[in-house]
Amino acid sequence: MNYNSNPGRKKEAAPLEAAFNELLKAYRLEDKFKEKQLISSWGEIVGKTISDRTTAVFIRDKKLFVKLSSGPVKKELMLNRSKVLLLIEDKVGKGVVEDLICL
């Protein structure tokens, strides 16, 4: 009788990234993780000028809400909405957000 056989564990070692992604899939946390990743990398995606004038960033119902303290920056961001959405898609993947709303 083999006491070391555990049906829930794999015998081969997996790279950390693969194991982490598998864990996210198992607990159905992929979307939440990508949302948090997007929010934390907002400044990197849009740059320092927009990041400095951003007061809040959150996601609700696949819509990214960005609260800005500058009217001209808000207008510029709305004019370049499709470009920003493409940058977001490149950074965190497709399907995380579908729309950008500036407040």
C-alpha atoms as a PDB file:
ATOM      1  CA  MET A   1       0.000   0.000   0.000  1.00  0.00           C
ATOM      2  CA  ASN A   2       1.395   3.365  -1.033  1.00  0.00           C
ATOM      3  CA  TYR A   3       0.833   6.035   1.629  1.00  0.00           C
ATOM      4  CA  ASN A   4       2.477   8.817  -0.390  1.00  0.00           C
ATOM      5  CA  SER A   5      -0.167   8.883  -3.088  1.00  0.00           C
ATOM      6  CA  ASN A   6      -2.274  12.002  -2.670  1.00  0.00           C
ATOM      7  CA  PRO A   7      -4.839  12.356  -5.482  1.00  0.00           C
ATOM      8  CA  GLY A   8      -5.079  16.157  -5.021  1.00  0.00           C
ATOM      9  CA  ARG A   9      -1.394  16.815  -5.615  1.00  0.00           C
ATOM     10  CA  LYS A  10       0.724  16.603  -8.729  1.00  0.00           C
ATOM     11  CA  LYS A  11       4.018  14.778  -8.555  1.00  0.00           C
ATOM     12  CA  GLU A  12       5.955  16.994 -10.962  1.00  0.00           C
ATOM     13  CA  ALA A  13       7.165  20.436  -9.997  1.00  0.00           C
ATOM     14  CA  ALA A  14       5.474  23.311 -11.830  1.00  0.00           C
ATOM     15  CA  PRO A  15       6.873  26.769 -12.509  1.00  0.00           C
ATOM     16  CA  LEU A  16       5.548  29.315 -10.035  1.00  0.00           C
ATOM     17  CA  GLU A  17       3.667  31.365 -12.641  1.00  0.00           C
ATOM     18  CA  ALA A  18       1.912  28.292 -14.046  1.00  0.00           C
ATOM     19  CA  ALA A  19       1.016  27.087 -10.562  1.00  0.00           C
ATOM     20  CA  PHE A  20      -0.321  30.530  -9.629  1.00  0.00           C
ATOM     21  CA  ASN A  21      -2.438  30.745 -12.790  1.00  0.00           C
ATOM     22  CA  GLU A  22      -3.785  27.256 -12.131  1.00  0.00           C
ATOM     23  CA  LEU A  23      -4.686  28.288  -8.587  1.00  0.00           C
ATOM     24  CA  LEU A  24      -6.533  31.392  -9.869  1.00  0.00           C
ATOM     25  CA  LYS A  25      -8.493  29.217 -12.303  1.00  0.00           C
ATOM     26  CA  ALA A  26      -9.339  26.668  -9.622  1.00  0.00           C
ATOM     27  CA  TYR A  27     -10.789  29.335  -7.336  1.00  0.00           C
ATOM     28  CA  ARG A  28     -12.313  31.359 -10.214  1.00  0.00           C
ATOM     29  CA  LEU A  29     -10.330  34.458  -9.285  1.00  0.00           C
ATOM     30  CA  GLU A  30      -8.753  35.241 -12.667  1.00  0.00           C
ATOM     31  CA  ASP A  31     -11.016  38.202 -13.453  1.00  0.00           C
ATOM     32  CA  LYS A  32     -10.632  39.769 -10.001  1.00  0.00           C
ATOM     33  CA  PHE A  33      -6.866  39.362 -10.162  1.00  0.00           C
ATOM     34  CA  LYS A  34      -6.718  41.031 -13.585  1.00  0.00           C
ATOM     35  CA  GLU A  35      -8.920  43.885 -12.344  1.00  0.00           C
ATOM     36  CA  LYS A  36      -6.625  44.501  -9.372  1.00  0.00           C
ATOM     37  CA  GLN A  37      -3.605  44.266 -11.659  1.00  0.00           C
ATOM     38  CA  LEU A  38      -5.138  46.902 -13.948  1.00  0.00           C
ATOM     39  CA  ILE A  39      -5.912  49.273 -11.086  1.00  0.00           C
ATOM     40  CA  SER A  40      -2.411  48.955  -9.637  1.00  0.00           C
ATOM     41  CA  SER A  41      -0.754  49.559 -13.017  1.00  0.00           C
ATOM     42  CA  TRP A  42      -2.994  52.495 -14.051  1.00  0.00           C
ATOM     43  CA  GLY A  43      -0.128  55.011 -13.773  1.00  0.00           C
ATOM     44  CA  GLU A  44       2.129  52.838 -15.886  1.00  0.00           C
ATOM     45  CA  ILE A  45      -0.542  52.487 -18.587  1.00  0.00           C
ATOM     46  CA  VAL A  46      -1.535  56.153 -18.967  1.00  0.00           C
ATOM     47  CA  GLY A  47       1.628  57.955 -17.905  1.00  0.00           C
ATOM     48  CA  LYS A  48       2.605  60.432 -15.220  1.00  0.00           C
ATOM     49  CA  THR A  49       0.485  63.410 -16.357  1.00  0.00           C
ATOM     50  CA  ILE A  50      -2.835  61.555 -16.244  1.00  0.00           C
ATOM     51  CA  SER A  51      -1.808  59.485 -13.240  1.00  0.00           C
ATOM     52  CA  ASP A  52      -1.033  62.601 -11.174  1.00  0.00           C
ATOM     53  CA  ARG A  53      -4.503  63.987 -11.905  1.00  0.00           C
ATOM     54  CA  THR A  54      -6.320  60.728 -11.165  1.00  0.00           C
ATOM     55  CA  THR A  55      -8.050  60.676  -7.787  1.00  0.00           C
ATOM     56  CA  ALA A  56      -9.816  57.291  -8.011  1.00  0.00           C
ATOM     57  CA  VAL A  57      -9.874  54.207 -10.249  1.00  0.00           C
ATOM     58  CA  PHE A  58     -12.338  51.342  -9.890  1.00  0.00           C
ATOM     59  CA  ILE A  59     -14.077  48.705 -11.976  1.00  0.00           C
ATOM     60  CA  ARG A  60     -17.762  47.835 -11.861  1.00  0.00           C
ATOM     61  CA  ASP A  61     -19.634  45.644 -14.361  1.00  0.00           C
ATOM     62  CA  LYS A  62     -16.655  45.524 -16.766  1.00  0.00           C
ATOM     63  CA  LYS A  63     -16.538  49.330 -16.883  1.00  0.00           C
ATOM     64  CA  LEU A  64     -13.446  51.215 -15.768  1.00  0.00           C
ATOM     65  CA  PHE A  65     -14.359  54.348 -13.824  1.00  0.00           C
ATOM     66  CA  VAL A  66     -11.656  56.994 -13.547  1.00  0.00           C
ATOM     67  CA  LYS A  67     -12.129  60.091 -11.410  1.00  0.00           C
ATOM     68  CA  LEU A  68      -9.953  62.989 -12.564  1.00  0.00           C
ATOM     69  CA  SER A  69      -9.215  66.352 -10.968  1.00  0.00           C
ATOM     70  CA  SER A  70      -8.555  68.163 -14.261  1.00  0.00           C
ATOM     71  CA  GLY A  71     -11.180  68.989 -16.888  1.00  0.00           C
ATOM     72  CA  PRO A  72      -8.772  69.201 -19.848  1.00  0.00           C
ATOM     73  CA  VAL A  73      -7.175  65.855 -18.925  1.00  0.00           C
ATOM     74  CA  LYS A  74     -10.637  64.319 -18.637  1.00  0.00           C
ATOM     75  CA  LYS A  75     -11.547  65.565 -22.103  1.00  0.00           C
ATOM     76  CA  GLU A  76      -8.260  64.325 -23.576  1.00  0.00           C
ATOM     77  CA  LEU A  77      -8.756  60.907 -22.001  1.00  0.00           C
ATOM     78  CA  MET A  78     -12.285  60.664 -23.390  1.00  0.00           C
ATOM     79  CA  LEU A  79     -11.060  61.604 -26.880  1.00  0.00           C
ATOM     80  CA  ASN A  80      -8.434  58.850 -26.682  1.00  0.00           C
ATOM     81  CA  ARG A  81     -10.723  56.273 -25.055  1.00  0.00           C
ATOM     82  CA  SER A  82     -10.158  53.574 -27.695  1.00  0.00           C
ATOM     83  CA  LYS A  83      -6.382  53.954 -27.470  1.00  0.00           C
ATOM     84  CA  VAL A  84      -6.473  53.657 -23.670  1.00  0.00           C
ATOM     85  CA  LEU A  85      -8.675  50.560 -23.919  1.00  0.00           C
ATOM     86  CA  LEU A  86      -6.146  49.005 -26.326  1.00  0.00           C
ATOM     87  CA  LEU A  87      -3.306  49.788 -23.910  1.00  0.00           C
ATOM     88  CA  ILE A  88      -5.298  48.163 -21.097  1.00  0.00           C
ATOM     89  CA  GLU A  89      -5.961  45.110 -23.264  1.00  0.00           C
ATOM     90  CA  ASP A  90      -2.241  44.799 -24.011  1.00  0.00           C
ATOM     91  CA  LYS A  91      -1.340  45.068 -20.318  1.00  0.00           C
ATOM     92  CA  VAL A  92      -3.872  42.787 -18.605  1.00  0.00           C
ATOM     93  CA  GLY A  93      -5.641  40.923 -21.390  1.00  0.00           C
ATOM     94  CA  LYS A  94      -8.860  41.007 -23.314  1.00  0.00           C
ATOM     95  CA  GLY A  95     -12.259  41.117 -21.630  1.00  0.00           C
ATOM     96  CA  VAL A  96     -11.272  42.721 -18.336  1.00  0.00           C
ATOM     97  CA  VAL A  97     -12.938  46.048 -19.156  1.00  0.00           C
ATOM     98  CA  GLU A  98     -15.225  46.960 -22.026  1.00  0.00           C
ATOM     99  CA  ASP A  99     -15.692  50.677 -21.469  1.00  0.00           C
ATOM    100  CA  LEU A 100     -13.929  53.675 -19.913  1.00  0.00           C
ATOM    101  CA  ILE A 101     -15.940  56.246 -17.998  1.00  0.00           C
ATOM    102  CA  CYS A 102     -14.369  59.466 -16.738  1.00  0.00           C
ATOM    103  CA  LEU A 103     -15.872  61.163 -13.705  1.00  0.00           C
END
